[in-house]
Amino acid sequence: MPESPEGGWPALLAEMEACLVAAEAEPRPDGFAAEPVWTPPDSIGPLPVELAERARAIVRAQAATIALIEDRRRQIGRHLVALRSIPLAGDGGRPSYLDTMS
């Protein structure tokens, strides 16, 4: 069977899209998304023109996902700073609690 003019690009782009969905949707119990192992194929050839817009959309989605992850990282950093500012219960013998309702 002859290979399609698009070569392996549709499968490769589908794999990249699946990685994006996984990164956005399913964090691991430790709070970090699983890092997929990806290696570029050796002989896939140039990107066909008819798949260029799909590839650009993936690049835009990757940039948005990176921005989301960076925002989450900054938010976690702010939470850690706030938590570290709370005195421990043993400090000075006074009770400490954290109001999480606000």
PDB file of N, CA and C in Angstrom:
ATOM      1  N   MET A   1       0.852  -1.180   0.000  1.00  0.00           N
ATOM      2  CA  MET A   1       0.000   0.000   0.000  1.00  0.00           C
ATOM      3  C   MET A   1       0.897   1.243   0.000  1.00  0.00           C
ATOM      4  N   PRO A   2       0.715   2.172  -0.912  1.00  0.00           N
ATOM      5  CA  PRO A   2       1.559   3.368  -0.953  1.00  0.00           C
ATOM      6  C   PRO A   2       1.266   4.281   0.229  1.00  0.00           C
ATOM      7  N   GLU A   3       2.303   4.947   0.686  1.00  0.00           N
ATOM      8  CA  GLU A   3       2.160   5.871   1.809  1.00  0.00           C
ATOM      9  C   GLU A   3       1.413   7.113   1.348  1.00  0.00           C
ATOM     10  N   SER A   4       0.591   7.700   2.246  1.00  0.00           N
ATOM     11  CA  SER A   4      -0.165   8.899   1.886  1.00  0.00           C
ATOM     12  C   SER A   4       0.798  10.063   1.690  1.00  0.00           C
ATOM     13  N   PRO A   5       0.384  11.060   0.921  1.00  0.00           N
ATOM     14  CA  PRO A   5       1.257  12.220   0.706  1.00  0.00           C
ATOM     15  C   PRO A   5       1.565  12.980   1.995  1.00  0.00           C
ATOM     16  N   GLU A   6       0.721  12.789   3.011  1.00  0.00           N
ATOM     17  CA  GLU A   6       0.938  13.462   4.287  1.00  0.00           C
ATOM     18  C   GLU A   6       1.935  12.719   5.155  1.00  0.00           C
ATOM     19  N   GLY A   7       2.305  11.499   4.772  1.00  0.00           N
ATOM     20  CA  GLY A   7       3.238  10.711   5.559  1.00  0.00           C
ATOM     21  C   GLY A   7       2.683  10.426   6.941  1.00  0.00           C
ATOM     22  N   GLY A   8       3.532  10.497   7.941  1.00  0.00           N
ATOM     23  CA  GLY A   8       3.123  10.229   9.315  1.00  0.00           C
ATOM     24  C   GLY A   8       2.657  11.459  10.062  1.00  0.00           C
ATOM     25  N   TRP A   9       2.502  12.584   9.382  1.00  0.00           N
ATOM     26  CA  TRP A   9       2.134  13.831  10.060  1.00  0.00           C
ATOM     27  C   TRP A   9       0.788  13.780  10.768  1.00  0.00           C
ATOM     28  N   PRO A  10      -0.284  13.227  10.182  1.00  0.00           N
ATOM     29  CA  PRO A  10      -1.556  13.201  10.916  1.00  0.00           C
ATOM     30  C   PRO A  10      -1.444  12.464  12.249  1.00  0.00           C
ATOM     31  N   ALA A  11      -0.765  11.337  12.264  1.00  0.00           N
ATOM     32  CA  ALA A  11      -0.606  10.588  13.519  1.00  0.00           C
ATOM     33  C   ALA A  11       0.237  11.370  14.516  1.00  0.00           C
ATOM     34  N   LEU A  12       1.298  12.008  14.050  1.00  0.00           N
ATOM     35  CA  LEU A  12       2.158  12.795  14.924  1.00  0.00           C
ATOM     36  C   LEU A  12       1.400  13.965  15.535  1.00  0.00           C
ATOM     37  N   LEU A  13       0.615  14.681  14.712  1.00  0.00           N
ATOM     38  CA  LEU A  13      -0.160  15.808  15.231  1.00  0.00           C
ATOM     39  C   LEU A  13      -1.225  15.329  16.211  1.00  0.00           C
ATOM     40  N   ALA A  14      -1.839  14.189  15.947  1.00  0.00           N
ATOM     41  CA  ALA A  14      -2.828  13.629  16.878  1.00  0.00           C
ATOM     42  C   ALA A  14      -2.169  13.283  18.205  1.00  0.00           C
ATOM     43  N   GLU A  15      -0.966  12.751  18.166  1.00  0.00           N
ATOM     44  CA  GLU A  15      -0.228  12.430  19.406  1.00  0.00           C
ATOM     45  C   GLU A  15       0.065  13.696  20.199  1.00  0.00           C
ATOM     46  N   MET A  16       0.466  14.759  19.511  1.00  0.00           N
ATOM     47  CA  MET A  16       0.758  16.022  20.186  1.00  0.00           C
ATOM     48  C   MET A  16      -0.510  16.615  20.798  1.00  0.00           C
ATOM     49  N   GLU A  17      -1.628  16.513  20.086  1.00  0.00           N
ATOM     50  CA  GLU A  17      -2.900  17.003  20.620  1.00  0.00           C
ATOM     51  C   GLU A  17      -3.300  16.210  21.863  1.00  0.00           C
ATOM     52  N   ALA A  18      -3.096  14.902  21.834  1.00  0.00           N
ATOM     53  CA  ALA A  18      -3.427  14.066  22.999  1.00  0.00           C
ATOM     54  C   ALA A  18      -2.574  14.449  24.204  1.00  0.00           C
ATOM     55  N   CYS A  19      -1.313  14.764  23.974  1.00  0.00           N
ATOM     56  CA  CYS A  19      -0.437  15.193  25.075  1.00  0.00           C
ATOM     57  C   CYS A  19      -0.938  16.496  25.685  1.00  0.00           C
ATOM     58  N   LEU A  20      -1.417  17.413  24.860  1.00  0.00           N
ATOM     59  CA  LEU A  20      -1.962  18.674  25.373  1.00  0.00           C
ATOM     60  C   LEU A  20      -3.187  18.432  26.237  1.00  0.00           C
ATOM     61  N   VAL A  21      -4.080  17.583  25.764  1.00  0.00           N
ATOM     62  CA  VAL A  21      -5.294  17.282  26.524  1.00  0.00           C
ATOM     63  C   VAL A  21      -4.915  16.677  27.877  1.00  0.00           C
ATOM     64  N   ALA A  22      -3.957  15.763  27.869  1.00  0.00           N
ATOM     65  CA  ALA A  22      -3.525  15.122  29.117  1.00  0.00           C
ATOM     66  C   ALA A  22      -2.902  16.137  30.067  1.00  0.00           C
ATOM     67  N   ALA A  23      -2.100  17.056  29.545  1.00  0.00           N
ATOM     68  CA  ALA A  23      -1.438  18.054  30.390  1.00  0.00           C
ATOM     69  C   ALA A  23      -2.446  18.995  31.033  1.00  0.00           C
ATOM     70  N   GLU A  24      -3.523  19.300  30.329  1.00  0.00           N
ATOM     71  CA  GLU A  24      -4.515  20.234  30.846  1.00  0.00           C
ATOM     72  C   GLU A  24      -5.519  19.566  31.781  1.00  0.00           C
ATOM     73  N   ALA A  25      -5.803  18.293  31.557  1.00  0.00           N
ATOM     74  CA  ALA A  25      -6.952  17.686  32.215  1.00  0.00           C
ATOM     75  C   ALA A  25      -6.648  16.814  33.415  1.00  0.00           C
ATOM     76  N   GLU A  26      -5.528  16.151  33.451  1.00  0.00           N
ATOM     77  CA  GLU A  26      -5.360  15.121  34.464  1.00  0.00           C
ATOM     78  C   GLU A  26      -4.057  15.257  35.233  1.00  0.00           C
ATOM     79  N   PRO A  27      -4.048  16.112  36.275  1.00  0.00           N
ATOM     80  CA  PRO A  27      -2.835  16.211  37.075  1.00  0.00           C
ATOM     81  C   PRO A  27      -2.620  14.946  37.901  1.00  0.00           C
ATOM     82  N   ARG A  28      -1.385  14.662  38.178  1.00  0.00           N
ATOM     83  CA  ARG A  28      -1.045  13.513  39.020  1.00  0.00           C
ATOM     84  C   ARG A  28      -1.377  13.849  40.460  1.00  0.00           C
ATOM     85  N   PRO A  29      -1.406  12.838  41.347  1.00  0.00           N
ATOM     86  CA  PRO A  29      -1.717  13.107  42.761  1.00  0.00           C
ATOM     87  C   PRO A  29      -0.762  14.103  43.409  1.00  0.00           C
ATOM     88  N   ASP A  30       0.490  14.191  42.913  1.00  0.00           N
ATOM     89  CA  ASP A  30       1.426  15.151  43.500  1.00  0.00           C
ATOM     90  C   ASP A  30       1.205  16.557  42.966  1.00  0.00           C
ATOM     91  N   GLY A  31       0.192  16.737  42.096  1.00  0.00           N
ATOM     92  CA  GLY A  31      -0.154  18.061  41.604  1.00  0.00           C
ATOM     93  C   GLY A  31       0.492  18.440  40.293  1.00  0.00           C
ATOM     94  N   PHE A  32       1.336  17.593  39.752  1.00  0.00           N
ATOM     95  CA  PHE A  32       2.003  17.903  38.502  1.00  0.00           C
ATOM     96  C   PHE A  32       1.487  16.991  37.403  1.00  0.00           C
ATOM     97  N   ALA A  33       1.333  17.519  36.223  1.00  0.00           N
ATOM     98  CA  ALA A  33       0.897  16.703  35.095  1.00  0.00           C
ATOM     99  C   ALA A  33       2.015  15.732  34.715  1.00  0.00           C
ATOM    100  N   ALA A  34       1.617  14.564  34.273  1.00  0.00           N
ATOM    101  CA  ALA A  34       2.605  13.581  33.834  1.00  0.00           C
ATOM    102  C   ALA A  34       3.346  14.127  32.615  1.00  0.00           C
ATOM    103  N   GLU A  35       4.638  13.987  32.623  1.00  0.00           N
ATOM    104  CA  GLU A  35       5.436  14.498  31.523  1.00  0.00           C
ATOM    105  C   GLU A  35       5.583  13.406  30.462  1.00  0.00           C
ATOM    106  N   PRO A  36       4.952  13.601  29.308  1.00  0.00           N
ATOM    107  CA  PRO A  36       5.048  12.565  28.288  1.00  0.00           C
ATOM    108  C   PRO A  36       6.452  12.519  27.692  1.00  0.00           C
ATOM    109  N   VAL A  37       6.863  11.323  27.351  1.00  0.00           N
ATOM    110  CA  VAL A  37       8.154  11.155  26.692  1.00  0.00           C
ATOM    111  C   VAL A  37       7.895  11.203  25.198  1.00  0.00           C
ATOM    112  N   TRP A  38       8.549  12.113  24.513  1.00  0.00           N
ATOM    113  CA  TRP A  38       8.325  12.266  23.081  1.00  0.00           C
ATOM    114  C   TRP A  38       9.661  12.420  22.385  1.00  0.00           C
ATOM    115  N   THR A  39       9.822  11.709  21.322  1.00  0.00           N
ATOM    116  CA  THR A  39      11.009  11.871  20.484  1.00  0.00           C
ATOM    117  C   THR A  39      10.542  12.113  19.061  1.00  0.00           C
ATOM    118  N   PRO A  40      11.114  13.105  18.396  1.00  0.00           N
ATOM    119  CA  PRO A  40      10.681  13.382  17.031  1.00  0.00           C
ATOM    120  C   PRO A  40      11.046  12.226  16.105  1.00  0.00           C
ATOM    121  N   PRO A  41      10.179  11.931  15.158  1.00  0.00           N
ATOM    122  CA  PRO A  41      10.482  10.852  14.222  1.00  0.00           C
ATOM    123  C   PRO A  41      11.667  11.211  13.332  1.00  0.00           C
ATOM    124  N   ASP A  42      12.372  10.182  12.903  1.00  0.00           N
ATOM    125  CA  ASP A  42      13.573  10.397  12.086  1.00  0.00           C
ATOM    126  C   ASP A  42      13.254  10.814  10.655  1.00  0.00           C
ATOM    127  N   SER A  43      12.307  10.155  10.038  1.00  0.00           N
ATOM    128  CA  SER A  43      12.114  10.367   8.596  1.00  0.00           C
ATOM    129  C   SER A  43      10.663  10.677   8.265  1.00  0.00           C
ATOM    130  N   ILE A  44      10.170  11.760   8.806  1.00  0.00           N
ATOM    131  CA  ILE A  44       8.764  12.099   8.562  1.00  0.00           C
ATOM    132  C   ILE A  44       8.614  13.015   7.348  1.00  0.00           C
ATOM    133  N   GLY A  45       9.654  13.697   6.977  1.00  0.00           N
ATOM    134  CA  GLY A  45       9.572  14.604   5.828  1.00  0.00           C
ATOM    135  C   GLY A  45       9.008  15.948   6.218  1.00  0.00           C
ATOM    136  N   PRO A  46       8.936  16.859   5.252  1.00  0.00           N
ATOM    137  CA  PRO A  46       8.421  18.204   5.549  1.00  0.00           C
ATOM    138  C   PRO A  46       6.917  18.183   5.830  1.00  0.00           C
ATOM    139  N   LEU A  47       6.483  19.159   6.598  1.00  0.00           N
ATOM    140  CA  LEU A  47       5.068  19.296   6.925  1.00  0.00           C
ATOM    141  C   LEU A  47       4.292  19.662   5.664  1.00  0.00           C
ATOM    142  N   PRO A  48       3.265  18.893   5.311  1.00  0.00           N
ATOM    143  CA  PRO A  48       2.438  19.244   4.148  1.00  0.00           C
ATOM    144  C   PRO A  48       1.682  20.553   4.403  1.00  0.00           C
ATOM    145  N   VAL A  49       1.531  21.337   3.373  1.00  0.00           N
ATOM    146  CA  VAL A  49       0.859  22.637   3.472  1.00  0.00           C
ATOM    147  C   VAL A  49      -0.538  22.490   4.052  1.00  0.00           C
ATOM    148  N   GLU A  50      -1.253  21.442   3.676  1.00  0.00           N
ATOM    149  CA  GLU A  50      -2.637  21.276   4.145  1.00  0.00           C
ATOM    150  C   GLU A  50      -2.732  20.978   5.641  1.00  0.00           C
ATOM    151  N   LEU A  51      -1.615  20.655   6.285  1.00  0.00           N
ATOM    152  CA  LEU A  51      -1.615  20.408   7.732  1.00  0.00           C
ATOM    153  C   LEU A  51      -0.986  21.560   8.520  1.00  0.00           C
ATOM    154  N   ALA A  52      -0.561  22.600   7.836  1.00  0.00           N
ATOM    155  CA  ALA A  52       0.152  23.701   8.483  1.00  0.00           C
ATOM    156  C   ALA A  52      -0.712  24.414   9.527  1.00  0.00           C
ATOM    157  N   GLU A  53      -1.980  24.676   9.222  1.00  0.00           N
ATOM    158  CA  GLU A  53      -2.827  25.387  10.178  1.00  0.00           C
ATOM    159  C   GLU A  53      -3.071  24.532  11.425  1.00  0.00           C
ATOM    160  N   ARG A  54      -3.231  23.233  11.251  1.00  0.00           N
ATOM    161  CA  ARG A  54      -3.394  22.344  12.412  1.00  0.00           C
ATOM    162  C   ARG A  54      -2.140  22.385  13.282  1.00  0.00           C
ATOM    163  N   ALA A  55      -0.973  22.372  12.666  1.00  0.00           N
ATOM    164  CA  ALA A  55       0.284  22.438  13.416  1.00  0.00           C
ATOM    165  C   ALA A  55       0.404  23.774  14.146  1.00  0.00           C
ATOM    166  N   ARG A  56       0.015  24.879  13.487  1.00  0.00           N
ATOM    167  CA  ARG A  56       0.054  26.188  14.145  1.00  0.00           C
ATOM    168  C   ARG A  56      -0.900  26.229  15.337  1.00  0.00           C
ATOM    169  N   ALA A  57      -2.065  25.603  15.200  1.00  0.00           N
ATOM    170  CA  ALA A  57      -3.022  25.562  16.306  1.00  0.00           C
ATOM    171  C   ALA A  57      -2.438  24.794  17.492  1.00  0.00           C
ATOM    172  N   ILE A  58      -1.706  23.736  17.210  1.00  0.00           N
ATOM    173  CA  ILE A  58      -1.070  22.971  18.287  1.00  0.00           C
ATOM    174  C   ILE A  58      -0.018  23.824  18.990  1.00  0.00           C
ATOM    175  N   VAL A  59       0.760  24.557  18.226  1.00  0.00           N
ATOM    176  CA  VAL A  59       1.783  25.427  18.824  1.00  0.00           C
ATOM    177  C   VAL A  59       1.124  26.488  19.706  1.00  0.00           C
ATOM    178  N   ARG A  60       0.013  27.070  19.228  1.00  0.00           N
ATOM    179  CA  ARG A  60      -0.706  28.066  20.047  1.00  0.00           C
ATOM    180  C   ARG A  60      -1.246  27.412  21.323  1.00  0.00           C
ATOM    181  N   ALA A  61      -1.800  26.210  21.204  1.00  0.00           N
ATOM    182  CA  ALA A  61      -2.330  25.512  22.373  1.00  0.00           C
ATOM    183  C   ALA A  61      -1.218  25.157  23.353  1.00  0.00           C
ATOM    184  N   GLN A  62      -0.054  24.772  22.833  1.00  0.00           N
ATOM    185  CA  GLN A  62       1.081  24.482  23.711  1.00  0.00           C
ATOM    186  C   GLN A  62       1.493  25.733  24.478  1.00  0.00           C
ATOM    187  N   ALA A  63       1.539  26.868  23.801  1.00  0.00           N
ATOM    188  CA  ALA A  63       1.904  28.122  24.470  1.00  0.00           C
ATOM    189  C   ALA A  63       0.885  28.465  25.550  1.00  0.00           C
ATOM    190  N   ALA A  64      -0.408  28.262  25.272  1.00  0.00           N
ATOM    191  CA  ALA A  64      -1.439  28.539  26.261  1.00  0.00           C
ATOM    192  C   ALA A  64      -1.317  27.597  27.456  1.00  0.00           C
ATOM    193  N   THR A  65      -1.002  26.341  27.207  1.00  0.00           N
ATOM    194  CA  THR A  65      -0.841  25.375  28.295  1.00  0.00           C
ATOM    195  C   THR A  65       0.365  25.725  29.153  1.00  0.00           C
ATOM    196  N   ILE A  66       1.449  26.135  28.523  1.00  0.00           N
ATOM    197  CA  ILE A  66       2.636  26.559  29.271  1.00  0.00           C
ATOM    198  C   ILE A  66       2.294  27.762  30.150  1.00  0.00           C
ATOM    199  N   ALA A  67       1.546  28.721  29.606  1.00  0.00           N
ATOM    200  CA  ALA A  67       1.152  29.896  30.387  1.00  0.00           C
ATOM    201  C   ALA A  67       0.267  29.488  31.568  1.00  0.00           C
ATOM    202  N   LEU A  68      -0.641  28.544  31.346  1.00  0.00           N
ATOM    203  CA  LEU A  68      -1.507  28.062  32.426  1.00  0.00           C
ATOM    204  C   LEU A  68      -0.687  27.394  33.519  1.00  0.00           C
ATOM    205  N   ILE A  69       0.259  26.558  33.137  1.00  0.00           N
ATOM    206  CA  ILE A  69       1.106  25.873  34.118  1.00  0.00           C
ATOM    207  C   ILE A  69       1.943  26.879  34.892  1.00  0.00           C
ATOM    208  N   GLU A  70       2.488  27.876  34.207  1.00  0.00           N
ATOM    209  CA  GLU A  70       3.274  28.914  34.888  1.00  0.00           C
ATOM    210  C   GLU A  70       2.402  29.704  35.851  1.00  0.00           C
ATOM    211  N   ASP A  71       1.165  29.998  35.466  1.00  0.00           N
ATOM    212  CA  ASP A  71       0.253  30.714  36.360  1.00  0.00           C
ATOM    213  C   ASP A  71      -0.047  29.882  37.597  1.00  0.00           C
ATOM    214  N   ARG A  72      -0.276  28.596  37.398  1.00  0.00           N
ATOM    215  CA  ARG A  72      -0.510  27.708  38.549  1.00  0.00           C
ATOM    216  C   ARG A  72       0.718  27.659  39.451  1.00  0.00           C
ATOM    217  N   ARG A  73       1.891  27.619  38.866  1.00  0.00           N
ATOM    218  CA  ARG A  73       3.132  27.589  39.651  1.00  0.00           C
ATOM    219  C   ARG A  73       3.255  28.853  40.501  1.00  0.00           C
ATOM    220  N   ARG A  74       2.977  30.022  39.917  1.00  0.00           N
ATOM    221  CA  ARG A  74       3.037  31.278  40.668  1.00  0.00           C
ATOM    222  C   ARG A  74       1.999  31.300  41.784  1.00  0.00           C
ATOM    223  N   GLN A  75       0.794  30.790  41.487  1.00  0.00           N
ATOM    224  CA  GLN A  75      -0.256  30.752  42.501  1.00  0.00           C
ATOM    225  C   GLN A  75       0.146  29.844  43.664  1.00  0.00           C
ATOM    226  N   ILE A  76       0.711  28.712  43.375  1.00  0.00           N
ATOM    227  CA  ILE A  76       1.175  27.807  44.431  1.00  0.00           C
ATOM    228  C   ILE A  76       2.263  28.487  45.254  1.00  0.00           C
ATOM    229  N   GLY A  77       3.166  29.221  44.595  1.00  0.00           N
ATOM    230  CA  GLY A  77       4.211  29.947  45.309  1.00  0.00           C
ATOM    231  C   GLY A  77       3.620  30.958  46.280  1.00  0.00           C
ATOM    232  N   ARG A  78       2.585  31.685  45.835  1.00  0.00           N
ATOM    233  CA  ARG A  78       1.926  32.657  46.726  1.00  0.00           C
ATOM    234  C   ARG A  78       1.271  31.949  47.906  1.00  0.00           C
ATOM    235  N   HIS A  79       0.660  30.803  47.653  1.00  0.00           N
ATOM    236  CA  HIS A  79       0.041  30.049  48.748  1.00  0.00           C
ATOM    237  C   HIS A  79       1.090  29.585  49.756  1.00  0.00           C
ATOM    238  N   LEU A  80       2.231  29.139  49.260  1.00  0.00           N
ATOM    239  CA  LEU A  80       3.296  28.696  50.164  1.00  0.00           C
ATOM    240  C   LEU A  80       3.808  29.847  51.022  1.00  0.00           C
ATOM    241  N   VAL A  81       3.964  31.022  50.434  1.00  0.00           N
ATOM    242  CA  VAL A  81       4.406  32.187  51.203  1.00  0.00           C
ATOM    243  C   VAL A  81       3.390  32.502  52.293  1.00  0.00           C
ATOM    244  N   ALA A  82       2.105  32.455  51.947  1.00  0.00           N
ATOM    245  CA  ALA A  82       1.068  32.739  52.939  1.00  0.00           C
ATOM    246  C   ALA A  82       1.078  31.697  54.056  1.00  0.00           C
ATOM    247  N   LEU A  83       1.210  30.447  53.709  1.00  0.00           N
ATOM    248  CA  LEU A  83       1.236  29.396  54.726  1.00  0.00           C
ATOM    249  C   LEU A  83       2.444  29.509  55.646  1.00  0.00           C
ATOM    250  N   ARG A  84       3.579  29.880  55.083  1.00  0.00           N
ATOM    251  CA  ARG A  84       4.795  30.003  55.900  1.00  0.00           C
ATOM    252  C   ARG A  84       4.729  31.195  56.847  1.00  0.00           C
ATOM    253  N   SER A  85       3.833  32.136  56.566  1.00  0.00           N
ATOM    254  CA  SER A  85       3.727  33.308  57.439  1.00  0.00           C
ATOM    255  C   SER A  85       2.868  33.036  58.673  1.00  0.00           C
ATOM    256  N   ILE A  86       2.189  31.919  58.719  1.00  0.00           N
ATOM    257  CA  ILE A  86       1.336  31.583  59.861  1.00  0.00           C
ATOM    258  C   ILE A  86       2.207  31.039  60.986  1.00  0.00           C
ATOM    259  N   PRO A  87       2.101  31.626  62.182  1.00  0.00           N
ATOM    260  CA  PRO A  87       2.908  31.130  63.303  1.00  0.00           C
ATOM    261  C   PRO A  87       2.515  29.694  63.666  1.00  0.00           C
ATOM    262  N   LEU A  88       3.478  28.933  64.079  1.00  0.00           N
ATOM    263  CA  LEU A  88       3.214  27.572  64.524  1.00  0.00           C
ATOM    264  C   LEU A  88       2.518  27.594  65.867  1.00  0.00           C
ATOM    265  N   ALA A  89       1.735  26.554  66.159  1.00  0.00           N
ATOM    266  CA  ALA A  89       0.994  26.496  67.414  1.00  0.00           C
ATOM    267  C   ALA A  89       1.928  26.548  68.614  1.00  0.00           C
ATOM    268  N   GLY A  90       3.134  26.022  68.491  1.00  0.00           N
ATOM    269  CA  GLY A  90       4.080  26.006  69.598  1.00  0.00           C
ATOM    270  C   GLY A  90       4.772  27.332  69.823  1.00  0.00           C
ATOM    271  N   ASP A  91       4.645  28.285  68.907  1.00  0.00           N
ATOM    272  CA  ASP A  91       5.281  29.586  69.050  1.00  0.00           C
ATOM    273  C   ASP A  91       4.533  30.445  70.057  1.00  0.00           C
ATOM    274  N   GLY A  92       5.114  30.637  71.215  1.00  0.00           N
ATOM    275  CA  GLY A  92       4.524  31.532  72.200  1.00  0.00           C
ATOM    276  C   GLY A  92       3.305  30.957  72.892  1.00  0.00           C
ATOM    277  N   GLY A  93       2.965  29.715  72.653  1.00  0.00           N
ATOM    278  CA  GLY A  93       1.869  29.068  73.347  1.00  0.00           C
ATOM    279  C   GLY A  93       0.491  29.520  72.918  1.00  0.00           C
ATOM    280  N   ARG A  94       0.375  30.273  71.857  1.00  0.00           N
ATOM    281  CA  ARG A  94      -0.966  30.689  71.448  1.00  0.00           C
ATOM    282  C   ARG A  94      -1.470  29.799  70.306  1.00  0.00           C
ATOM    283  N   PRO A  95      -2.763  29.545  70.257  1.00  0.00           N
ATOM    284  CA  PRO A  95      -3.298  28.677  69.209  1.00  0.00           C
ATOM    285  C   PRO A  95      -3.216  29.351  67.839  1.00  0.00           C
ATOM    286  N   SER A  96      -3.093  28.539  66.811  1.00  0.00           N
ATOM    287  CA  SER A  96      -3.065  29.041  65.439  1.00  0.00           C
ATOM    288  C   SER A  96      -4.063  28.243  64.608  1.00  0.00           C
ATOM    289  N   TYR A  97      -4.734  28.939  63.736  1.00  0.00           N
ATOM    290  CA  TYR A  97      -5.635  28.267  62.802  1.00  0.00           C
ATOM    291  C   TYR A  97      -5.649  29.061  61.504  1.00  0.00           C
ATOM    292  N   LEU A  98      -6.162  28.435  60.466  1.00  0.00           N
ATOM    293  CA  LEU A  98      -6.199  29.062  59.144  1.00  0.00           C
ATOM    294  C   LEU A  98      -7.638  29.075  58.661  1.00  0.00           C
ATOM    295  N   ASP A  99      -8.167  30.256  58.397  1.00  0.00           N
ATOM    296  CA  ASP A  99      -9.511  30.389  57.862  1.00  0.00           C
ATOM    297  C   ASP A  99      -9.448  30.242  56.353  1.00  0.00           C
ATOM    298  N   THR A 100      -9.986  29.144  55.844  1.00  0.00           N
ATOM    299  CA  THR A 100      -9.940  28.893  54.402  1.00  0.00           C
ATOM    300  C   THR A 100     -11.239  29.275  53.711  1.00  0.00           C
ATOM    301  N   MET A 101     -12.137  29.949  54.390  1.00  0.00           N
ATOM    302  CA  MET A 101     -13.433  30.300  53.805  1.00  0.00           C
ATOM    303  C   MET A 101     -13.377  31.582  52.976  1.00  0.00           C
ATOM    304  N   SER A 102     -12.317  32.346  53.047  1.00  0.00           N
ATOM    305  CA  SER A 102     -12.303  33.599  52.309  1.00  0.00           C
ATOM    306  C   SER A 102     -11.679  33.440  50.954  1.00  0.00           C
TER     307      SER A 102
END
